[in-house]
N, C-alpha and C. Protein backbone atom coordinates (compact mmCIF):
# COMPACT_ATOMS: atom_id res chain seq x y z
N UNK A 1 86.25 120.17 109.37
CA UNK A 1 87.05 118.97 109.67
C UNK A 1 87.36 118.91 111.16
N UNK A 2 87.44 117.70 111.70
CA UNK A 2 87.88 117.54 113.06
C UNK A 2 89.38 117.81 113.13
N UNK A 3 89.88 118.03 114.34
CA UNK A 3 91.29 118.39 114.51
C UNK A 3 92.22 117.34 113.92
N UNK A 4 91.93 116.06 114.16
CA UNK A 4 92.76 114.97 113.63
C UNK A 4 92.72 114.94 112.11
N UNK A 5 91.52 115.12 111.57
CA UNK A 5 91.36 115.12 110.11
C UNK A 5 92.08 116.31 109.48
N UNK A 6 92.02 117.46 110.15
CA UNK A 6 92.71 118.65 109.66
C UNK A 6 94.21 118.43 109.61
N UNK A 7 94.74 117.83 110.66
CA UNK A 7 96.18 117.53 110.70
C UNK A 7 96.56 116.54 109.61
N UNK A 8 95.74 115.51 109.43
CA UNK A 8 95.99 114.51 108.38
C UNK A 8 95.96 115.16 107.00
N UNK A 9 95.00 116.07 106.81
CA UNK A 9 94.90 116.78 105.53
C UNK A 9 96.14 117.64 105.29
N UNK A 10 96.54 118.38 106.28
CA UNK A 10 97.71 119.27 106.15
C UNK A 10 98.98 118.47 105.86
N UNK A 11 99.15 117.37 106.57
CA UNK A 11 100.34 116.53 106.36
C UNK A 11 100.33 115.92 104.97
N UNK A 12 99.15 115.47 104.52
CA UNK A 12 99.04 114.87 103.19
C UNK A 12 99.31 115.90 102.10
N UNK A 13 98.80 117.11 102.29
CA UNK A 13 99.02 118.18 101.32
C UNK A 13 100.50 118.54 101.24
N UNK A 14 101.14 118.66 102.40
CA UNK A 14 102.57 118.95 102.43
C UNK A 14 103.36 117.83 101.77
N UNK A 15 102.96 116.58 102.04
CA UNK A 15 103.65 115.44 101.44
C UNK A 15 103.55 115.47 99.92
N UNK A 16 102.37 115.74 99.40
CA UNK A 16 102.18 115.82 97.94
C UNK A 16 103.02 116.94 97.33
N UNK A 17 103.04 118.09 97.99
CA UNK A 17 103.84 119.21 97.50
C UNK A 17 105.32 118.85 97.50
N UNK A 18 105.79 118.24 98.58
CA UNK A 18 107.21 117.87 98.69
C UNK A 18 107.58 116.80 97.67
N UNK A 19 106.67 115.84 97.45
CA UNK A 19 106.91 114.80 96.44
C UNK A 19 107.13 115.41 95.06
N UNK A 20 106.30 116.39 94.73
CA UNK A 20 106.39 116.99 93.40
C UNK A 20 107.58 117.93 93.27
N UNK A 21 107.92 118.62 94.35
CA UNK A 21 109.14 119.44 94.34
C UNK A 21 110.37 118.56 94.18
N UNK A 22 110.39 117.46 94.95
CA UNK A 22 111.50 116.51 94.85
C UNK A 22 111.58 115.93 93.44
N UNK A 23 110.42 115.70 92.83
CA UNK A 23 110.39 115.18 91.47
C UNK A 23 111.03 116.14 90.48
N UNK A 24 110.70 117.41 90.59
CA UNK A 24 111.29 118.41 89.69
C UNK A 24 112.81 118.44 89.84
N UNK A 25 113.27 118.50 91.09
CA UNK A 25 114.72 118.56 91.33
C UNK A 25 115.40 117.27 90.90
N UNK A 26 114.84 116.14 91.34
CA UNK A 26 115.46 114.85 91.06
C UNK A 26 115.51 114.49 89.59
N UNK A 27 114.47 114.86 88.86
CA UNK A 27 114.43 114.52 87.43
C UNK A 27 115.38 115.37 86.59
N UNK A 28 115.71 116.55 87.08
CA UNK A 28 116.55 117.45 86.28
C UNK A 28 117.99 117.56 86.79
N UNK A 29 118.28 116.96 87.92
CA UNK A 29 119.65 116.96 88.43
C UNK A 29 120.39 115.78 87.80
N UNK A 30 121.47 116.01 87.17
CA UNK A 30 122.14 114.97 86.38
C UNK A 30 122.56 113.76 87.20
N UNK A 31 122.78 113.95 88.50
CA UNK A 31 123.21 112.84 89.36
C UNK A 31 122.05 111.88 89.65
N UNK A 32 120.83 112.42 89.73
CA UNK A 32 119.69 111.61 90.18
C UNK A 32 118.62 111.36 89.12
N UNK A 33 118.70 112.03 87.97
CA UNK A 33 117.57 111.99 87.03
C UNK A 33 117.23 110.58 86.57
N UNK A 34 118.24 109.72 86.38
CA UNK A 34 117.99 108.36 85.92
C UNK A 34 117.18 107.58 86.95
N UNK A 35 117.52 107.74 88.23
CA UNK A 35 116.83 107.01 89.29
C UNK A 35 115.41 107.52 89.48
N UNK A 36 115.23 108.83 89.36
CA UNK A 36 113.90 109.40 89.55
C UNK A 36 112.94 109.01 88.45
N UNK A 37 113.44 108.70 87.27
CA UNK A 37 112.56 108.23 86.20
C UNK A 37 111.87 106.93 86.59
N UNK A 38 112.58 106.09 87.36
CA UNK A 38 112.00 104.83 87.80
C UNK A 38 110.94 105.04 88.88
N UNK A 39 110.87 106.23 89.46
CA UNK A 39 109.90 106.52 90.51
C UNK A 39 108.62 107.14 89.98
N UNK A 40 108.56 107.40 88.67
CA UNK A 40 107.38 108.07 88.11
C UNK A 40 106.12 107.23 88.33
N UNK A 41 106.18 105.95 88.03
CA UNK A 41 105.02 105.08 88.24
C UNK A 41 104.67 104.96 89.71
N UNK A 42 105.69 104.83 90.56
CA UNK A 42 105.46 104.74 92.01
C UNK A 42 104.80 106.02 92.52
N UNK A 43 105.26 107.17 92.01
CA UNK A 43 104.69 108.45 92.41
C UNK A 43 103.21 108.53 92.05
N UNK A 44 102.85 108.02 90.87
CA UNK A 44 101.46 108.02 90.44
C UNK A 44 100.59 107.17 91.37
N UNK A 45 101.09 106.00 91.74
CA UNK A 45 100.34 105.11 92.65
C UNK A 45 100.19 105.75 94.02
N UNK A 46 101.30 106.27 94.57
CA UNK A 46 101.27 106.87 95.91
C UNK A 46 100.36 108.10 95.94
N UNK A 47 100.43 108.91 94.89
CA UNK A 47 99.57 110.09 94.80
C UNK A 47 98.10 109.69 94.84
N UNK A 48 97.74 108.62 94.13
CA UNK A 48 96.34 108.17 94.12
C UNK A 48 95.92 107.59 95.47
N UNK A 49 96.82 106.90 96.12
CA UNK A 49 96.50 106.36 97.46
C UNK A 49 96.21 107.51 98.43
N UNK A 50 97.04 108.53 98.40
CA UNK A 50 96.83 109.70 99.27
C UNK A 50 95.53 110.40 98.90
N UNK A 51 95.33 110.61 97.58
CA UNK A 51 94.11 111.29 97.12
C UNK A 51 92.86 110.58 97.57
N UNK A 52 92.75 109.29 97.28
CA UNK A 52 91.50 108.58 97.54
C UNK A 52 91.32 108.19 99.01
N UNK A 53 92.35 108.39 99.81
CA UNK A 53 92.16 108.21 101.25
C UNK A 53 91.27 109.32 101.82
N UNK A 54 91.08 110.40 101.05
CA UNK A 54 90.22 111.50 101.49
C UNK A 54 88.85 111.47 100.82
N UNK A 55 88.60 110.46 99.99
CA UNK A 55 87.27 110.31 99.41
C UNK A 55 86.30 109.96 100.52
N UNK A 56 85.13 110.60 100.52
CA UNK A 56 84.23 110.52 101.67
C UNK A 56 83.38 109.25 101.74
N UNK A 57 83.01 108.73 100.57
CA UNK A 57 82.09 107.59 100.60
C UNK A 57 82.41 106.59 99.49
N UNK A 58 82.84 105.41 99.88
CA UNK A 58 83.19 104.38 98.90
C UNK A 58 81.96 103.52 98.60
N UNK A 59 80.93 104.21 98.07
CA UNK A 59 79.70 103.51 97.74
C UNK A 59 79.87 102.75 96.42
N UNK A 60 78.86 101.92 96.12
CA UNK A 60 78.93 101.06 94.94
C UNK A 60 79.11 101.86 93.66
N UNK A 61 78.38 102.98 93.51
CA UNK A 61 78.46 103.78 92.29
C UNK A 61 79.85 104.36 92.09
N UNK A 62 80.51 104.73 93.20
CA UNK A 62 81.87 105.26 93.09
C UNK A 62 82.83 104.18 92.59
N UNK A 63 82.72 102.98 93.15
CA UNK A 63 83.61 101.88 92.75
C UNK A 63 83.39 101.52 91.29
N UNK A 64 82.11 101.47 90.87
CA UNK A 64 81.80 101.20 89.46
C UNK A 64 82.39 102.29 88.57
N UNK A 65 82.21 103.54 88.98
CA UNK A 65 82.73 104.68 88.21
C UNK A 65 84.24 104.61 88.10
N UNK A 66 84.91 104.34 89.20
CA UNK A 66 86.38 104.25 89.24
C UNK A 66 86.87 103.18 88.25
N UNK A 67 86.30 102.00 88.35
CA UNK A 67 86.73 100.88 87.51
C UNK A 67 86.38 101.11 86.05
N UNK A 68 85.20 101.68 85.79
CA UNK A 68 84.75 101.90 84.42
C UNK A 68 85.63 102.94 83.72
N UNK A 69 85.91 104.05 84.40
CA UNK A 69 86.75 105.10 83.79
C UNK A 69 88.16 104.58 83.57
N UNK A 70 88.69 103.82 84.53
CA UNK A 70 90.03 103.25 84.37
C UNK A 70 90.07 102.30 83.17
N UNK A 71 89.04 101.47 83.04
CA UNK A 71 88.99 100.51 81.92
C UNK A 71 88.84 101.24 80.58
N UNK A 72 87.91 102.20 80.52
CA UNK A 72 87.67 102.93 79.27
C UNK A 72 88.89 103.78 78.89
N UNK A 73 89.53 104.38 79.90
CA UNK A 73 90.75 105.15 79.64
C UNK A 73 91.83 104.27 79.05
N UNK A 74 91.98 103.08 79.62
CA UNK A 74 92.96 102.12 79.11
C UNK A 74 92.59 101.69 77.69
N UNK A 75 91.30 101.45 77.46
CA UNK A 75 90.83 101.02 76.14
C UNK A 75 91.08 102.10 75.08
N UNK A 76 90.83 103.35 75.43
CA UNK A 76 91.09 104.46 74.51
C UNK A 76 92.57 104.49 74.13
N UNK A 77 93.44 104.32 75.13
CA UNK A 77 94.87 104.32 74.86
C UNK A 77 95.28 103.11 74.01
N UNK A 78 94.63 101.99 74.27
CA UNK A 78 94.91 100.79 73.49
C UNK A 78 94.59 101.02 72.01
N UNK A 79 93.42 101.57 71.77
CA UNK A 79 93.02 101.90 70.39
C UNK A 79 93.93 102.98 69.81
N UNK A 80 94.30 103.94 70.65
CA UNK A 80 95.17 105.02 70.20
C UNK A 80 96.53 104.54 69.75
N UNK A 81 97.14 103.66 70.54
CA UNK A 81 98.47 103.14 70.23
C UNK A 81 98.45 102.27 68.98
N UNK A 82 97.42 101.44 68.84
CA UNK A 82 97.41 100.45 67.76
C UNK A 82 96.78 100.94 66.46
N UNK A 83 96.09 102.08 66.51
CA UNK A 83 95.47 102.58 65.28
C UNK A 83 96.03 103.94 64.84
N UNK A 84 96.44 104.75 65.80
CA UNK A 84 96.90 106.10 65.48
C UNK A 84 95.76 107.04 65.13
N UNK A 85 94.53 106.56 65.24
CA UNK A 85 93.37 107.35 64.81
C UNK A 85 92.98 108.40 65.84
N UNK A 86 93.13 108.08 67.13
CA UNK A 86 92.61 108.97 68.17
C UNK A 86 93.54 110.14 68.46
N UNK A 87 94.80 109.83 68.76
CA UNK A 87 95.75 110.87 69.17
C UNK A 87 96.85 111.14 68.15
N UNK A 88 96.98 110.29 67.16
CA UNK A 88 98.12 110.32 66.27
C UNK A 88 99.01 109.10 66.56
N UNK A 89 100.13 109.00 65.90
CA UNK A 89 100.99 107.84 66.05
C UNK A 89 102.00 108.04 67.18
N UNK A 90 101.88 107.19 68.19
CA UNK A 90 102.77 107.25 69.35
C UNK A 90 102.94 105.86 69.93
N UNK A 91 103.90 105.72 70.82
CA UNK A 91 104.09 104.44 71.51
C UNK A 91 104.58 104.70 72.93
N UNK A 92 104.18 103.85 73.82
CA UNK A 92 104.61 103.97 75.21
C UNK A 92 106.00 103.39 75.39
N UNK A 93 106.77 104.03 76.28
CA UNK A 93 108.09 103.51 76.64
C UNK A 93 108.02 102.83 78.00
N UNK A 94 109.08 102.90 78.78
CA UNK A 94 109.18 102.05 79.96
C UNK A 94 108.84 102.73 81.29
N UNK A 95 108.78 104.06 81.32
CA UNK A 95 108.73 104.77 82.61
C UNK A 95 107.45 104.54 83.41
N UNK A 96 106.35 104.17 82.75
CA UNK A 96 105.10 103.93 83.47
C UNK A 96 104.91 102.47 83.87
N UNK A 97 105.94 101.66 83.64
CA UNK A 97 105.91 100.30 84.16
C UNK A 97 105.20 99.28 83.29
N UNK A 98 104.66 98.28 83.95
CA UNK A 98 104.09 97.08 83.32
C UNK A 98 103.05 97.44 82.25
N UNK A 99 103.17 96.79 81.09
CA UNK A 99 102.27 97.06 79.96
C UNK A 99 101.50 95.81 79.55
N UNK A 100 100.28 96.05 79.10
CA UNK A 100 99.46 95.02 78.48
C UNK A 100 99.18 95.48 77.05
N UNK A 101 99.55 94.67 76.07
CA UNK A 101 99.36 95.03 74.66
C UNK A 101 99.97 96.40 74.36
N UNK A 102 101.15 96.64 74.93
CA UNK A 102 101.94 97.85 74.67
C UNK A 102 101.42 99.11 75.34
N UNK A 103 100.45 98.96 76.25
CA UNK A 103 99.90 100.10 76.98
C UNK A 103 100.10 99.88 78.49
N UNK A 104 100.70 100.85 79.21
CA UNK A 104 100.91 100.68 80.65
C UNK A 104 99.58 100.56 81.40
N UNK A 105 99.52 99.63 82.32
CA UNK A 105 98.31 99.42 83.11
C UNK A 105 97.96 100.67 83.92
N UNK A 106 98.99 101.42 84.32
CA UNK A 106 98.78 102.60 85.15
C UNK A 106 98.08 103.74 84.42
N UNK A 107 98.03 103.70 83.11
CA UNK A 107 97.46 104.83 82.37
C UNK A 107 95.97 104.98 82.66
N UNK A 108 95.29 103.87 82.94
CA UNK A 108 93.87 103.94 83.31
C UNK A 108 93.69 104.68 84.63
N UNK A 109 94.60 104.42 85.57
CA UNK A 109 94.57 105.12 86.86
C UNK A 109 94.79 106.61 86.67
N UNK A 110 95.65 106.97 85.74
CA UNK A 110 95.92 108.38 85.46
C UNK A 110 94.67 109.09 84.93
N UNK A 111 93.93 108.41 84.05
CA UNK A 111 92.68 108.98 83.54
C UNK A 111 91.69 109.22 84.69
N UNK A 112 91.57 108.26 85.57
CA UNK A 112 90.65 108.40 86.71
C UNK A 112 91.05 109.61 87.56
N UNK A 113 92.32 109.70 87.90
CA UNK A 113 92.80 110.78 88.77
C UNK A 113 92.53 112.16 88.15
N UNK A 114 92.84 112.31 86.86
CA UNK A 114 92.68 113.60 86.21
C UNK A 114 91.20 114.00 86.10
N UNK A 115 90.34 113.05 85.75
CA UNK A 115 88.91 113.35 85.66
C UNK A 115 88.33 113.66 87.04
N UNK A 116 88.73 112.89 88.02
CA UNK A 116 88.25 113.07 89.40
C UNK A 116 88.64 114.44 89.93
N UNK A 117 89.91 114.81 89.79
CA UNK A 117 90.39 116.09 90.30
C UNK A 117 89.81 117.26 89.51
N UNK A 118 89.76 117.12 88.19
CA UNK A 118 89.21 118.19 87.35
C UNK A 118 87.73 118.41 87.65
N UNK A 119 87.00 117.33 87.91
CA UNK A 119 85.57 117.46 88.21
C UNK A 119 85.35 118.22 89.51
N UNK A 120 86.23 118.03 90.47
CA UNK A 120 86.12 118.78 91.73
C UNK A 120 86.37 120.27 91.50
N UNK A 121 87.32 120.58 90.64
CA UNK A 121 87.59 121.99 90.30
C UNK A 121 86.37 122.63 89.66
N UNK A 122 85.78 121.93 88.70
CA UNK A 122 84.62 122.46 87.99
C UNK A 122 83.45 122.67 88.94
N UNK A 123 83.19 121.70 89.80
CA UNK A 123 82.05 121.80 90.70
C UNK A 123 82.28 122.84 91.80
N UNK A 124 83.54 123.16 92.07
CA UNK A 124 83.86 124.19 93.07
C UNK A 124 83.70 125.59 92.48
N UNK A 125 84.19 125.79 91.26
CA UNK A 125 84.23 127.13 90.66
C UNK A 125 83.00 127.49 89.84
N UNK A 126 82.24 126.50 89.41
CA UNK A 126 81.09 126.77 88.53
C UNK A 126 79.81 126.18 89.13
N UNK A 127 78.81 127.03 89.27
CA UNK A 127 77.51 126.58 89.77
C UNK A 127 76.60 126.33 88.58
N UNK A 128 76.41 125.08 88.25
CA UNK A 128 75.65 124.72 87.05
C UNK A 128 74.36 123.95 87.37
N UNK A 129 74.05 123.84 88.66
CA UNK A 129 72.88 123.07 89.06
C UNK A 129 71.56 123.73 88.66
N UNK A 130 71.63 125.04 88.30
CA UNK A 130 70.40 125.73 87.88
C UNK A 130 69.91 125.24 86.52
N UNK A 131 70.81 124.59 85.77
CA UNK A 131 70.42 124.06 84.47
C UNK A 131 69.79 122.67 84.63
N UNK A 132 69.09 122.24 83.58
CA UNK A 132 68.55 120.88 83.59
C UNK A 132 69.70 119.89 83.71
N UNK A 133 69.43 118.73 84.27
CA UNK A 133 70.48 117.78 84.61
C UNK A 133 71.38 117.44 83.43
N UNK A 134 70.79 117.09 82.29
CA UNK A 134 71.59 116.68 81.13
C UNK A 134 72.47 117.83 80.65
N UNK A 135 71.91 119.04 80.57
CA UNK A 135 72.68 120.20 80.14
C UNK A 135 73.80 120.51 81.12
N UNK A 136 73.51 120.41 82.40
CA UNK A 136 74.53 120.66 83.43
C UNK A 136 75.69 119.68 83.29
N UNK A 137 75.36 118.42 83.03
CA UNK A 137 76.39 117.39 82.86
C UNK A 137 77.24 117.67 81.62
N UNK A 138 76.58 118.07 80.53
CA UNK A 138 77.32 118.41 79.30
C UNK A 138 78.26 119.58 79.54
N UNK A 139 77.78 120.62 80.20
CA UNK A 139 78.61 121.79 80.48
C UNK A 139 79.79 121.44 81.40
N UNK A 140 79.51 120.64 82.42
CA UNK A 140 80.58 120.19 83.32
C UNK A 140 81.62 119.37 82.57
N UNK A 141 81.15 118.50 81.69
CA UNK A 141 82.05 117.64 80.93
C UNK A 141 82.94 118.47 80.00
N UNK A 142 82.36 119.50 79.39
CA UNK A 142 83.13 120.39 78.52
C UNK A 142 84.24 121.09 79.32
N UNK A 143 83.89 121.55 80.51
CA UNK A 143 84.87 122.25 81.35
C UNK A 143 85.96 121.30 81.84
N UNK A 144 85.58 120.08 82.23
CA UNK A 144 86.57 119.09 82.65
C UNK A 144 87.51 118.74 81.50
N UNK A 145 86.95 118.52 80.31
CA UNK A 145 87.77 118.21 79.14
C UNK A 145 88.75 119.33 78.84
N UNK A 146 88.32 120.56 79.03
CA UNK A 146 89.19 121.72 78.78
C UNK A 146 90.31 121.79 79.81
N UNK A 147 89.98 121.55 81.08
CA UNK A 147 91.01 121.53 82.12
C UNK A 147 92.04 120.43 81.86
N UNK A 148 91.55 119.27 81.45
CA UNK A 148 92.45 118.14 81.21
C UNK A 148 93.34 118.37 79.99
N UNK A 149 92.78 118.97 78.96
CA UNK A 149 93.58 119.27 77.77
C UNK A 149 94.63 120.33 78.08
N UNK A 150 94.28 121.28 78.96
CA UNK A 150 95.22 122.31 79.37
C UNK A 150 96.44 121.70 80.07
N UNK A 151 96.20 120.75 80.95
CA UNK A 151 97.32 120.13 81.66
C UNK A 151 98.11 119.21 80.73
N UNK A 152 97.41 118.58 79.78
CA UNK A 152 98.11 117.71 78.82
C UNK A 152 99.11 118.48 77.97
N UNK A 153 98.80 119.74 77.67
CA UNK A 153 99.71 120.57 76.88
C UNK A 153 101.09 120.64 77.54
N UNK A 154 101.11 120.69 78.87
CA UNK A 154 102.37 120.77 79.60
C UNK A 154 102.94 119.39 79.93
N UNK A 155 102.08 118.36 79.90
CA UNK A 155 102.55 116.99 80.16
C UNK A 155 103.41 116.47 79.00
N UNK A 156 103.02 116.81 77.77
CA UNK A 156 103.63 116.20 76.60
C UNK A 156 105.17 116.29 76.54
N UNK A 157 105.78 117.48 76.70
CA UNK A 157 107.25 117.53 76.67
C UNK A 157 107.88 116.72 77.81
N UNK A 158 107.21 116.70 78.97
CA UNK A 158 107.67 115.89 80.10
C UNK A 158 107.67 114.42 79.73
N UNK A 159 106.57 113.96 79.11
CA UNK A 159 106.44 112.54 78.75
C UNK A 159 107.53 112.12 77.76
N UNK A 160 107.83 112.99 76.82
CA UNK A 160 108.85 112.67 75.83
C UNK A 160 110.24 112.63 76.48
N UNK A 161 110.55 113.65 77.29
CA UNK A 161 111.87 113.72 77.91
C UNK A 161 112.14 112.55 78.85
N UNK A 162 111.12 112.13 79.60
CA UNK A 162 111.35 111.13 80.64
C UNK A 162 110.78 109.76 80.30
N UNK A 163 110.63 109.48 79.02
CA UNK A 163 110.36 108.14 78.51
C UNK A 163 109.02 107.54 78.96
N UNK A 164 107.99 108.39 79.03
CA UNK A 164 106.65 107.86 79.24
C UNK A 164 106.08 107.37 77.91
N UNK A 165 106.15 108.24 76.90
CA UNK A 165 105.75 107.85 75.54
C UNK A 165 106.51 108.71 74.54
N UNK A 166 106.49 108.26 73.27
CA UNK A 166 107.17 108.98 72.20
C UNK A 166 106.24 109.11 70.99
N UNK A 167 106.36 110.25 70.31
CA UNK A 167 105.57 110.51 69.11
C UNK A 167 106.37 110.21 67.85
N UNK A 168 105.65 109.85 66.80
CA UNK A 168 106.30 109.63 65.51
C UNK A 168 107.01 110.91 65.07
N UNK A 169 108.25 110.76 64.66
CA UNK A 169 109.09 111.88 64.22
C UNK A 169 109.31 112.92 65.32
N UNK A 170 109.01 112.51 66.57
CA UNK A 170 109.22 113.39 67.73
C UNK A 170 108.41 114.69 67.65
N UNK A 171 107.27 114.63 66.96
CA UNK A 171 106.41 115.81 66.81
C UNK A 171 105.06 115.52 67.48
N UNK A 172 104.66 116.41 68.39
CA UNK A 172 103.36 116.26 69.05
C UNK A 172 102.29 116.83 68.12
N UNK A 173 101.40 115.99 67.59
CA UNK A 173 100.41 116.49 66.61
C UNK A 173 99.25 117.22 67.28
N UNK A 174 98.65 118.14 66.55
CA UNK A 174 97.44 118.82 67.02
C UNK A 174 96.33 117.80 67.29
N UNK A 175 96.34 116.73 66.52
CA UNK A 175 95.35 115.66 66.68
C UNK A 175 95.34 115.12 68.11
N UNK A 176 96.51 115.10 68.75
CA UNK A 176 96.60 114.60 70.12
C UNK A 176 95.69 115.40 71.06
N UNK A 177 95.75 116.72 70.95
CA UNK A 177 94.97 117.57 71.86
C UNK A 177 93.48 117.51 71.54
N UNK A 178 93.15 117.37 70.26
CA UNK A 178 91.75 117.20 69.88
C UNK A 178 91.23 115.87 70.41
N UNK A 179 92.02 114.81 70.20
CA UNK A 179 91.64 113.48 70.67
C UNK A 179 91.54 113.43 72.19
N UNK A 180 92.46 114.12 72.85
CA UNK A 180 92.45 114.15 74.32
C UNK A 180 91.18 114.85 74.82
N UNK A 181 90.83 116.00 74.18
CA UNK A 181 89.65 116.75 74.60
C UNK A 181 88.38 115.93 74.40
N UNK A 182 88.26 115.29 73.25
CA UNK A 182 87.05 114.48 72.97
C UNK A 182 86.97 113.29 73.92
N UNK A 183 88.10 112.62 74.14
CA UNK A 183 88.12 111.46 75.05
C UNK A 183 87.76 111.87 76.47
N UNK A 184 88.34 112.99 76.92
CA UNK A 184 88.04 113.49 78.26
C UNK A 184 86.58 113.90 78.38
N UNK A 185 86.03 114.47 77.31
CA UNK A 185 84.62 114.87 77.30
C UNK A 185 83.71 113.65 77.48
N UNK A 186 83.97 112.60 76.71
CA UNK A 186 83.14 111.40 76.79
C UNK A 186 83.26 110.72 78.14
N UNK A 187 84.48 110.59 78.65
CA UNK A 187 84.68 109.95 79.95
C UNK A 187 84.07 110.78 81.07
N UNK A 188 84.18 112.09 80.97
CA UNK A 188 83.59 112.97 81.99
C UNK A 188 82.08 112.86 81.99
N UNK A 189 81.49 112.77 80.79
CA UNK A 189 80.04 112.63 80.68
C UNK A 189 79.57 111.36 81.38
N UNK A 190 80.29 110.28 81.17
CA UNK A 190 79.97 109.01 81.85
C UNK A 190 80.15 109.17 83.36
N UNK A 191 81.26 109.80 83.74
CA UNK A 191 81.59 110.00 85.16
C UNK A 191 80.49 110.77 85.88
N UNK A 192 80.01 111.86 85.30
CA UNK A 192 78.99 112.68 85.94
C UNK A 192 77.63 112.00 85.96
N UNK A 193 77.37 111.13 84.98
CA UNK A 193 76.09 110.41 84.96
C UNK A 193 76.03 109.33 86.03
N UNK A 194 77.18 108.81 86.42
CA UNK A 194 77.22 107.86 87.53
C UNK A 194 77.28 108.65 88.83
N UNK A 195 76.15 109.20 89.19
CA UNK A 195 76.12 110.16 90.31
C UNK A 195 76.42 109.47 91.64
N UNK A 196 77.39 110.02 92.35
CA UNK A 196 77.73 109.58 93.69
C UNK A 196 78.29 110.80 94.42
N UNK A 197 78.43 110.68 95.72
CA UNK A 197 78.91 111.80 96.52
C UNK A 197 80.38 112.08 96.20
N UNK A 198 80.63 113.26 95.61
CA UNK A 198 81.99 113.65 95.25
C UNK A 198 82.48 114.71 96.23
N UNK A 199 83.02 114.25 97.33
CA UNK A 199 83.58 115.18 98.33
C UNK A 199 84.98 114.70 98.69
N UNK A 200 85.96 115.50 98.28
CA UNK A 200 87.35 115.17 98.57
C UNK A 200 88.13 116.47 98.66
N UNK A 201 88.54 116.83 99.86
CA UNK A 201 89.20 118.12 100.10
C UNK A 201 90.58 118.20 99.45
N UNK A 202 91.11 117.07 99.02
CA UNK A 202 92.45 117.05 98.44
C UNK A 202 92.44 117.09 96.92
N UNK A 203 91.27 116.86 96.30
CA UNK A 203 91.20 116.70 94.85
C UNK A 203 91.56 117.98 94.10
N UNK A 204 90.97 119.09 94.49
CA UNK A 204 91.24 120.35 93.79
C UNK A 204 92.69 120.81 94.00
N UNK A 205 93.21 120.80 95.25
CA UNK A 205 94.63 121.16 95.42
C UNK A 205 95.57 120.29 94.61
N UNK A 206 95.24 118.99 94.49
CA UNK A 206 96.10 118.09 93.72
C UNK A 206 96.13 118.48 92.25
N UNK A 207 94.97 118.89 91.70
CA UNK A 207 94.97 119.32 90.30
C UNK A 207 95.97 120.46 90.09
N UNK A 208 95.97 121.44 90.99
CA UNK A 208 96.86 122.59 90.83
C UNK A 208 98.32 122.24 91.13
N UNK A 209 98.54 121.29 92.04
CA UNK A 209 99.90 120.81 92.29
C UNK A 209 100.45 120.15 91.03
N UNK A 210 99.63 119.30 90.41
CA UNK A 210 100.04 118.62 89.19
C UNK A 210 100.25 119.62 88.05
N UNK A 211 99.34 120.57 87.93
CA UNK A 211 99.46 121.57 86.88
C UNK A 211 100.77 122.35 87.03
N UNK A 212 101.08 122.79 88.23
CA UNK A 212 102.32 123.53 88.47
C UNK A 212 103.55 122.65 88.25
N UNK A 213 103.45 121.39 88.64
CA UNK A 213 104.56 120.44 88.44
C UNK A 213 104.90 120.33 86.95
N UNK A 214 103.88 120.11 86.13
CA UNK A 214 104.14 119.94 84.70
C UNK A 214 104.48 121.27 84.03
N UNK A 215 103.92 122.38 84.52
CA UNK A 215 104.27 123.69 83.99
C UNK A 215 105.74 124.01 84.23
N UNK A 216 106.21 123.76 85.46
CA UNK A 216 107.62 124.02 85.80
C UNK A 216 108.53 123.13 84.96
N UNK A 217 108.17 121.86 84.84
CA UNK A 217 108.96 120.94 84.01
C UNK A 217 108.98 121.39 82.55
N UNK A 218 107.83 121.83 82.06
CA UNK A 218 107.72 122.34 80.69
C UNK A 218 108.71 123.49 80.47
N UNK A 219 108.74 124.42 81.41
CA UNK A 219 109.62 125.59 81.29
C UNK A 219 111.08 125.17 81.33
N UNK A 220 111.42 124.26 82.24
CA UNK A 220 112.82 123.80 82.35
C UNK A 220 113.25 123.08 81.07
N UNK A 221 112.40 122.18 80.57
CA UNK A 221 112.73 121.38 79.40
C UNK A 221 112.91 122.27 78.15
N UNK A 222 112.00 123.23 77.99
CA UNK A 222 112.03 124.04 76.77
C UNK A 222 112.99 125.22 76.83
N UNK A 223 113.24 125.76 78.04
CA UNK A 223 113.98 127.01 78.09
C UNK A 223 115.28 126.98 78.91
N UNK A 224 115.50 125.92 79.69
CA UNK A 224 116.69 125.88 80.53
C UNK A 224 117.63 124.74 80.16
N UNK A 225 117.11 123.52 80.16
CA UNK A 225 117.97 122.35 79.93
C UNK A 225 118.28 122.17 78.45
């Protein structure tokens, strides 16, 4: 990286870390927790703006991939909410903002961010190019789906506590994690088939920032508060 780019990267990384630390404190401090719940959607938007400002090439395939994954992610949630077949019976609340047909518009953006960041982790830690293209894509998709399901395990108590969504009888079903893994697998497979230059120095750190954020919240919700 050039000196200016390095400084921009460092500042952006520090900003993301501070945002998530502030989120943990603000959401659990009784004086501020109500106000910070209203910032959850804003935090998601700002995080994506910072993340994608480091994407290297906004070529046509990337834009198609971004829009397609966002649309399909939203569609999966739409079917999930109205049928209960994919994840189990749940409904979205108010914390993620504006909804269409009872599903927040921002949820598609969340699917894009998680697949994008998880794919960078997989491509950094696992060298799968020695396999045939289709097999490599399948293996990458399996790993991405596993990473995403791992983070979802810690997201669920957070989502319930802070009014993102609620489960029937307040019980998170095993079906949710199975449905999440299968959905992430299918979306990842599509994502990897739409080949474009995936270079973003912030994507992998963001995955771990988010993972730690939800892990810390999980611990506080279940064992402290």
